[in-house]
Amino acid sequence: MNEIRKEALYALLKKLVEAVGPSGFEDSVRDVVIDELKNYGDSLWIDSLGNVIAVKKGSKGAARLMIAAHMDEIGLIISYIDERGFLRFQPIGGVSERTLLGQRVVVRTLNGNLVKGVIGSKPPHIMRPEEAKQVPEGKDLYIDVGVSSRAEAEKLGVTIGSIAVFERDLTVLGNSDIIVGKALDDRVGVAAMIEAFKAIDFSDVDVYAVATVQEEVGLKGARVAAYSITPHVALALDVTVASDVAGVSEQDWITQLGKGPAIKVADGRAASGLIAHPAVRDKLIEIAKQYGVPYQLEVLHGGTTDASIIALNKEGVPAATISVPTRYIHSPTEVANLNDIVMASKLAMLFATKITSEWALTIIRRNLK
């Protein structure tokens, strides 16, 4: 059994985080994923929606395990260019308006050029006092790319339909294991999945590693990939809320940084997302305890992952989620602990190598008569 190396995972994560890839425009991220997976597994392909799927055949091939992590990040799409060259935009995914003002962004044109810009609004110095205290709405914001006309913006290649993401690299905070960057949601899951897949040297089941598209806008990639694969059991690797910060009571932390990955029990508003299959959840807990992987149990009050749509595929798929605790999700400065990511990857790898086809086939259907 191969080890998950922290240095290798960080190097991969840096490439993934710094790629530009909002929902529906994951090309740059997909290139990194393909490059990482091309020398591993028995098959590798891109499906019609853009998911990357790699397979390692098991010893028996009787059951299929799907491990999914989404490539896309939240972003913006240009909807109008005014006569002075300012770009109006619409959100892609769950963009919070409070995070936008004053941010540096990278605009990617439809032909692939990268253009730097900043998000601006009316200066507070000319606002009424009550107006200056309010979070500006998206309709009052624009991207300034340093031109003076629509024609100049178009000369740079910017058109309606160009996309933008926060301009951020991946870097380390005071503790060398605390990392910060944009799009940790869910490039940490993609990195953990890739490193887990590489480390698998034997499995009883067929293992499908799936880097999905368009999760942030409706779990779309996971839906079509699961339909194609028809897995017998599935895991999603994603982030979850770590609100263990100043001003938040302990009962509202959800998870904590540095305490290990979270094994999800339920998510979504009023548990409307995924309620993890008890057999898969319990197997993850059993394996974590047996192999000394620190873990937390997670009940998330809102939001969900690819696992919730995979679970509803065809006749149903026993599914669960391994989550990486992350602060400030859907902001330009998401924060995570590298050790939690390593342990999430290790837990996924152990799960893939320790379950049997017999176990997977038993939980997908229990014949009573």
Protein backbone atom coordinates (compact mmCIF):
# COMPACT_ATOMS: atom_id res chain seq x y z
CA MET A 1 0.00 0.00 0.00
CA ASN A 2 1.44 3.34 -1.06
CA GLU A 3 1.59 6.38 1.24
CA ILE A 4 -0.10 9.73 0.62
CA ARG A 5 2.76 12.26 0.66
CA LYS A 6 1.98 15.74 1.94
CA GLU A 7 4.55 17.47 -0.28
CA ALA A 8 3.20 15.85 -3.45
CA LEU A 9 -0.37 16.66 -2.52
CA TYR A 10 0.47 20.33 -1.88
CA ALA A 11 2.31 20.64 -5.22
CA LEU A 12 -0.69 19.15 -7.04
CA LEU A 13 -3.14 21.31 -5.12
CA LYS A 14 -1.22 24.45 -6.06
CA LYS A 15 -1.57 23.63 -9.77
CA LEU A 16 -5.28 22.89 -9.37
CA VAL A 17 -6.10 25.97 -7.28
CA GLU A 18 -4.32 28.40 -9.57
CA ALA A 19 -6.08 27.10 -12.68
CA VAL A 20 -9.14 29.02 -13.93
CA GLY A 21 -12.21 26.81 -13.95
CA PRO A 22 -15.70 27.98 -13.02
CA SER A 23 -18.69 25.74 -13.71
CA GLY A 24 -18.96 24.85 -17.39
CA PHE A 25 -15.47 26.20 -18.15
CA GLU A 26 -13.29 23.65 -16.35
CA ASP A 27 -10.84 23.12 -19.25
CA SER A 28 -7.66 24.31 -17.47
CA VAL A 29 -8.41 22.20 -14.39
CA ARG A 30 -9.27 19.21 -16.56
CA ASP A 31 -5.86 19.45 -18.29
CA VAL A 32 -4.13 19.17 -14.89
CA VAL A 33 -6.30 16.21 -13.87
CA ILE A 34 -5.63 14.34 -17.12
CA ASP A 35 -1.90 14.95 -16.86
CA GLU A 36 -1.90 13.55 -13.32
CA LEU A 37 -4.01 10.47 -14.10
CA LYS A 38 -2.77 9.47 -17.56
CA ASN A 39 -0.10 7.09 -16.24
CA TYR A 40 -2.39 5.41 -13.72
CA GLY A 41 -5.31 3.07 -14.06
CA ASP A 42 -6.52 0.88 -16.88
CA SER A 43 -8.74 3.38 -18.69
CA LEU A 44 -9.11 7.16 -18.88
CA TRP A 45 -11.67 9.21 -20.78
CA ILE A 46 -13.67 12.43 -20.92
CA ASP A 47 -17.43 12.07 -21.22
CA SER A 48 -19.79 14.29 -23.20
CA LEU A 49 -20.33 16.76 -20.35
CA GLY A 50 -16.61 17.08 -19.59
CA ASN A 51 -16.15 14.77 -16.58
CA VAL A 52 -12.78 13.01 -16.39
CA ILE A 53 -13.12 9.32 -15.53
CA ALA A 54 -10.25 6.97 -14.67
CA VAL A 55 -10.63 3.28 -13.78
CA LYS A 56 -8.50 0.77 -11.92
CA LYS A 57 -9.85 -2.74 -12.39
CA GLY A 58 -10.24 -4.80 -9.24
CA SER A 59 -9.30 -8.43 -8.71
CA LYS A 60 -12.86 -9.65 -9.16
CA GLY A 61 -14.54 -6.81 -11.02
CA ALA A 62 -17.91 -7.70 -9.58
CA ALA A 63 -18.61 -4.32 -7.94
CA ARG A 64 -17.91 -0.72 -8.91
CA LEU A 65 -16.83 2.03 -6.50
CA MET A 66 -17.19 5.63 -7.70
CA ILE A 67 -15.11 8.32 -6.00
CA ALA A 68 -16.16 11.81 -7.12
CA ALA A 69 -14.73 15.30 -6.59
CA HIS A 70 -15.76 18.38 -8.54
CA MET A 71 -13.38 20.46 -10.63
CA ASP A 72 -15.47 23.61 -10.91
CA GLU A 73 -15.31 26.73 -8.76
CA ILE A 74 -17.71 29.62 -8.33
CA GLY A 75 -17.19 32.51 -10.71
CA LEU A 76 -18.69 35.26 -12.82
CA ILE A 77 -19.86 35.47 -16.43
CA ILE A 78 -19.81 38.71 -18.43
CA SER A 79 -23.31 39.74 -19.43
CA TYR A 80 -22.75 43.28 -20.78
CA ILE A 81 -19.92 45.66 -21.74
CA ASP A 82 -20.81 49.34 -21.49
CA GLU A 83 -19.53 52.10 -23.77
CA ARG A 84 -16.67 52.93 -21.39
CA GLY A 85 -15.47 49.32 -21.24
CA PHE A 86 -16.78 48.37 -17.80
CA LEU A 87 -17.95 44.76 -17.61
CA ARG A 88 -21.24 43.83 -15.99
CA PHE A 89 -21.61 40.25 -14.83
CA GLN A 90 -23.83 37.52 -13.44
CA PRO A 91 -22.76 34.93 -10.85
CA ILE A 92 -21.86 31.33 -11.65
CA GLY A 93 -22.79 29.33 -8.57
CA GLY A 94 -23.13 30.59 -5.02
CA VAL A 95 -21.16 33.83 -5.18
CA SER A 96 -21.68 36.02 -2.10
CA GLU A 97 -21.90 39.70 -3.01
CA ARG A 98 -20.18 40.66 0.25
CA THR A 99 -16.96 39.02 -1.00
CA LEU A 100 -16.78 40.81 -4.36
CA LEU A 101 -16.06 44.51 -3.93
CA GLY A 102 -12.42 45.45 -4.46
CA GLN A 103 -11.31 41.96 -5.49
CA ARG A 104 -8.77 41.33 -8.21
CA VAL A 105 -10.04 38.93 -10.86
CA VAL A 106 -8.85 37.13 -13.96
CA VAL A 107 -11.14 37.32 -16.97
CA ARG A 108 -10.81 34.41 -19.39
CA THR A 109 -12.05 35.18 -22.87
CA LEU A 110 -13.85 32.67 -25.04
CA ASN A 111 -10.64 32.15 -27.04
CA GLY A 112 -8.62 31.47 -23.89
CA ASN A 113 -6.84 34.80 -23.29
CA LEU A 114 -6.42 35.91 -19.67
CA VAL A 115 -7.16 39.55 -18.80
CA LYS A 116 -6.65 41.03 -15.33
CA GLY A 117 -9.29 43.21 -13.74
CA VAL A 118 -10.71 44.53 -10.48
CA ILE A 119 -14.28 44.64 -9.19
CA GLY A 120 -15.46 48.17 -8.50
CA SER A 121 -18.56 50.18 -7.63
CA LYS A 122 -19.56 53.75 -6.92
CA PRO A 123 -16.97 55.24 -4.48
CA PRO A 124 -18.27 55.43 -0.88
CA HIS A 125 -17.08 59.06 -0.69
CA ILE A 126 -19.97 60.18 -2.90
CA MET A 127 -22.62 57.96 -1.29
CA ARG A 128 -25.17 58.91 1.32
CA PRO A 129 -24.05 57.66 4.77
CA GLU A 130 -26.78 55.01 4.96
CA GLU A 131 -25.95 53.84 1.42
CA ALA A 132 -22.23 53.49 2.22
CA LYS A 133 -22.97 51.07 5.06
CA GLN A 134 -24.78 48.59 2.83
CA VAL A 135 -23.26 45.64 0.96
CA PRO A 136 -23.49 46.61 -2.72
CA GLU A 137 -25.74 44.46 -4.86
CA GLY A 138 -24.36 42.63 -7.88
CA LYS A 139 -26.17 44.98 -10.24
CA ASP A 140 -24.15 47.88 -8.83
CA LEU A 141 -20.78 46.20 -9.38
CA TYR A 142 -18.62 45.94 -12.48
CA ILE A 143 -15.20 44.68 -13.57
CA ASP A 144 -12.65 47.32 -14.56
CA VAL A 145 -10.05 45.91 -16.97
CA GLY A 146 -8.22 49.20 -17.46
CA VAL A 147 -9.71 50.29 -20.79
CA SER A 148 -11.74 53.32 -21.77
CA SER A 149 -14.18 51.90 -24.31
CA ARG A 150 -16.11 48.79 -25.34
CA ALA A 151 -13.92 48.55 -28.42
CA GLU A 152 -10.77 48.41 -26.30
CA ALA A 153 -12.26 45.67 -24.12
CA GLU A 154 -13.22 43.70 -27.21
CA LYS A 155 -9.71 44.17 -28.61
CA LEU A 156 -8.46 42.30 -25.53
CA GLY A 157 -10.83 39.48 -26.49
CA VAL A 158 -13.43 40.21 -23.82
CA THR A 159 -16.98 39.52 -25.00
CA ILE A 160 -20.33 38.65 -23.51
CA GLY A 161 -19.88 35.10 -22.22
CA SER A 162 -16.29 35.60 -21.05
CA ILE A 163 -15.84 34.31 -17.50
CA ALA A 164 -13.96 35.56 -14.45
CA VAL A 165 -12.64 34.12 -11.19
CA PHE A 166 -10.80 35.57 -8.21
CA GLU A 167 -7.09 36.13 -8.81
CA ARG A 168 -5.41 34.20 -5.99
CA ASP A 169 -2.48 31.84 -5.63
CA LEU A 170 -2.18 29.06 -3.06
CA THR A 171 0.03 29.98 -0.15
CA VAL A 172 0.78 29.10 3.47
CA LEU A 173 -0.26 31.01 6.58
CA GLY A 174 1.69 31.16 9.87
CA ASN A 175 1.44 27.46 10.62
CA SER A 176 3.10 25.68 7.71
CA ASP A 177 0.15 23.29 7.42
CA ILE A 178 -2.51 26.02 7.12
CA ILE A 179 -3.09 26.90 3.48
CA VAL A 180 -5.13 29.66 1.87
CA GLY A 181 -6.34 30.23 -1.67
CA LYS A 182 -9.38 30.44 -3.89
CA ALA A 183 -11.26 27.36 -5.08
CA LEU A 184 -10.24 25.02 -2.28
CA ASP A 185 -13.90 24.12 -2.83
CA ASP A 186 -13.31 21.65 -4.33
CA ARG A 187 -9.76 21.44 -5.62
CA VAL A 188 -8.82 19.91 -2.24
CA GLY A 189 -11.23 17.08 -3.02
CA VAL A 190 -9.82 16.65 -6.53
CA ALA A 191 -6.24 16.55 -5.20
CA ALA A 192 -7.19 14.07 -2.46
CA MET A 193 -9.00 11.87 -4.98
CA ILE A 194 -6.08 11.87 -7.44
CA GLU A 195 -3.51 11.02 -4.79
CA ALA A 196 -5.76 8.29 -3.36
CA PHE A 197 -6.24 6.80 -6.84
CA LYS A 198 -2.49 6.80 -7.49
CA ALA A 199 -1.83 5.08 -4.16
CA ILE A 200 -4.20 2.15 -4.78
CA ASP A 201 -2.06 -0.87 -5.64
CA PHE A 202 -4.73 -3.51 -5.09
CA SER A 203 -8.50 -3.55 -4.78
CA ASP A 204 -11.21 -6.15 -4.89
CA VAL A 205 -13.63 -3.70 -6.55
CA ASP A 206 -13.29 -1.67 -9.73
CA VAL A 207 -12.42 1.89 -8.68
CA TYR A 208 -13.72 4.81 -10.75
CA ALA A 209 -12.11 8.17 -9.99
CA VAL A 210 -14.35 10.90 -11.39
CA ALA A 211 -13.42 14.58 -11.58
CA THR A 212 -16.86 16.09 -12.11
CA VAL A 213 -18.03 19.30 -13.75
CA GLN A 214 -20.77 21.79 -12.87
CA GLU A 215 -21.29 20.74 -9.25
CA GLU A 216 -21.73 24.34 -8.11
CA VAL A 217 -24.66 24.83 -10.49
CA GLY A 218 -26.69 21.71 -9.77
CA LEU A 219 -24.50 18.59 -9.39
CA LYS A 220 -24.77 18.08 -13.14
CA GLY A 221 -21.53 16.25 -13.90
CA ALA A 222 -22.01 13.71 -11.12
CA ARG A 223 -25.52 12.96 -12.34
CA VAL A 224 -24.47 11.92 -15.84
CA ALA A 225 -21.28 10.16 -14.70
CA ALA A 226 -23.17 8.04 -12.18
CA TYR A 227 -25.74 7.12 -14.84
CA SER A 228 -22.93 5.94 -17.11
CA ILE A 229 -20.93 4.06 -14.47
CA THR A 230 -23.84 2.62 -12.45
CA PRO A 231 -21.75 2.30 -9.27
CA HIS A 232 -22.61 -0.12 -6.50
CA VAL A 233 -21.19 2.24 -3.86
CA ALA A 234 -19.94 5.83 -3.99
CA LEU A 235 -17.94 8.45 -2.13
CA ALA A 236 -17.77 12.18 -2.72
CA LEU A 237 -14.70 14.13 -1.62
CA ASP A 238 -15.58 17.75 -0.90
CA VAL A 239 -15.17 20.56 1.61
CA THR A 240 -17.42 21.35 4.54
CA VAL A 241 -17.89 24.32 6.82
CA ALA A 242 -15.32 24.92 9.54
CA SER A 243 -16.65 27.92 11.45
CA ASP A 244 -14.31 27.42 14.40
CA VAL A 245 -13.46 31.12 14.35
CA ALA A 246 -13.78 34.18 16.57
CA GLY A 247 -17.34 35.11 17.50
CA VAL A 248 -18.90 31.71 16.70
CA SER A 249 -20.12 29.48 19.53
CA GLU A 250 -18.76 25.94 19.63
CA GLN A 251 -22.15 24.41 18.89
CA ASP A 252 -22.09 26.13 15.47
CA TRP A 253 -18.59 25.10 14.39
CA ILE A 254 -19.77 22.09 12.29
CA THR A 255 -16.12 20.96 12.03
CA GLN A 256 -12.69 22.15 13.16
CA LEU A 257 -9.45 22.61 11.25
CA GLY A 258 -6.74 20.09 12.08
CA LYS A 259 -9.00 17.47 13.66
CA GLY A 260 -9.08 15.24 10.60
CA PRO A 261 -11.53 14.84 7.72
CA ALA A 262 -15.24 14.72 8.45
CA ILE A 263 -17.41 11.70 7.76
CA LYS A 264 -20.75 13.14 6.81
CA VAL A 265 -23.91 11.99 8.53
CA ALA A 266 -26.31 14.38 6.80
CA ASP A 267 -26.36 17.69 4.93
CA GLY A 268 -28.73 20.12 3.27
CA ARG A 269 -31.39 22.28 4.84
CA ALA A 270 -33.46 20.06 7.17
CA ALA A 271 -31.35 17.08 5.97
CA SER A 272 -32.70 17.51 2.45
CA GLY A 273 -29.33 16.85 0.78
CA LEU A 274 -27.57 13.59 1.56
CA ILE A 275 -28.35 11.33 4.47
CA ALA A 276 -25.30 9.09 4.25
CA HIS A 277 -25.99 5.40 3.74
CA PRO A 278 -25.45 3.90 7.22
CA ALA A 279 -23.42 0.93 5.98
CA VAL A 280 -21.01 3.15 4.03
CA ARG A 281 -20.80 5.70 6.85
CA ASP A 282 -20.10 2.99 9.41
CA LYS A 283 -17.51 1.32 7.19
CA LEU A 284 -15.65 4.64 6.89
CA ILE A 285 -15.70 5.01 10.68
CA GLU A 286 -14.53 1.41 11.16
CA ILE A 287 -11.62 1.84 8.72
CA ALA A 288 -10.64 5.22 10.20
CA LYS A 289 -10.47 3.70 13.69
CA GLN A 290 -8.62 0.59 12.53
CA TYR A 291 -5.91 2.53 10.68
CA GLY A 292 -5.56 5.51 12.99
CA VAL A 293 -7.09 8.14 10.70
CA PRO A 294 -8.41 11.03 12.81
CA TYR A 295 -11.97 11.95 11.87
CA GLN A 296 -14.96 14.10 12.81
CA LEU A 297 -18.66 13.43 12.33
CA GLU A 298 -20.49 16.09 10.37
CA VAL A 299 -24.06 17.33 10.24
CA LEU A 300 -24.18 20.29 7.85
CA HIS A 301 -27.18 22.61 8.08
CA GLY A 302 -27.05 23.76 4.43
CA GLY A 303 -25.33 22.80 1.20
CA THR A 304 -24.63 19.36 -0.22
CA THR A 305 -22.22 17.44 -2.45
CA ASP A 306 -22.12 15.23 -5.53
CA ALA A 307 -22.99 12.27 -3.28
CA SER A 308 -26.60 13.42 -2.92
CA ILE A 309 -27.28 13.10 -6.66
CA ILE A 310 -25.19 9.94 -7.08
CA ALA A 311 -27.28 8.32 -4.32
CA LEU A 312 -30.41 8.81 -6.44
CA ASN A 313 -28.98 7.23 -9.60
CA LYS A 314 -31.20 4.61 -11.21
CA GLU A 315 -32.29 2.21 -8.42
CA GLY A 316 -30.20 4.02 -5.78
CA VAL A 317 -26.54 3.97 -4.77
CA PRO A 318 -25.24 3.61 -1.19
CA ALA A 319 -23.22 6.83 -0.86
CA ALA A 320 -21.32 8.87 1.68
CA THR A 321 -19.02 11.89 1.77
CA ILE A 322 -15.54 12.50 3.15
CA SER A 323 -15.30 16.23 3.86
CA VAL A 324 -12.31 18.51 4.35
CA PRO A 325 -12.99 21.20 7.00
CA THR A 326 -12.56 24.60 5.35
CA ARG A 327 -13.02 28.15 6.60
CA TYR A 328 -14.52 30.99 4.53
CA ILE A 329 -15.96 28.74 1.80
CA HIS A 330 -17.00 30.57 -1.39
CA SER A 331 -14.66 33.46 -0.70
CA PRO A 332 -11.35 34.44 -2.36
CA THR A 333 -9.49 33.24 0.75
CA GLU A 334 -10.61 29.76 1.70
CA VAL A 335 -8.50 28.23 4.49
CA ALA A 336 -7.78 24.55 5.22
CA ASN A 337 -5.28 22.35 7.04
CA LEU A 338 -3.07 20.30 4.72
CA ASN A 339 -3.04 17.40 7.18
CA ASP A 340 -6.84 17.12 6.95
CA ILE A 341 -6.55 16.82 3.17
CA VAL A 342 -3.87 14.15 3.42
CA MET A 343 -6.00 12.17 5.86
CA ALA A 344 -9.09 12.54 3.63
CA SER A 345 -7.07 11.10 0.76
CA LYS A 346 -5.77 8.28 2.93
CA LEU A 347 -9.25 7.39 4.15
CA ALA A 348 -10.57 7.27 0.57
CA MET A 349 -7.65 5.06 -0.48
CA LEU A 350 -8.15 2.72 2.48
CA PHE A 351 -11.88 2.46 1.80
CA ALA A 352 -11.19 1.54 -1.84
CA THR A 353 -8.69 -1.16 -0.89
CA LYS A 354 -10.45 -2.65 2.13
CA ILE A 355 -14.04 -3.12 0.94
CA THR A 356 -14.97 -6.25 -0.98
CA SER A 357 -17.27 -6.81 -3.91
CA GLU A 358 -19.34 -9.11 -1.72
CA TRP A 359 -19.87 -6.33 0.84
CA ALA A 360 -20.79 -3.78 -1.83
CA LEU A 361 -23.25 -6.09 -3.56
CA THR A 362 -24.85 -7.03 -0.25
CA ILE A 363 -25.65 -3.44 0.76
CA ILE A 364 -27.03 -2.40 -2.63
CA ARG A 365 -29.78 -4.99 -2.43
CA ARG A 366 -30.83 -7.19 0.48
CA ASN A 367 -32.97 -10.06 -0.70
CA LEU A 368 -35.39 -11.08 2.02
CA LYS A 369 -37.14 -13.88 0.19
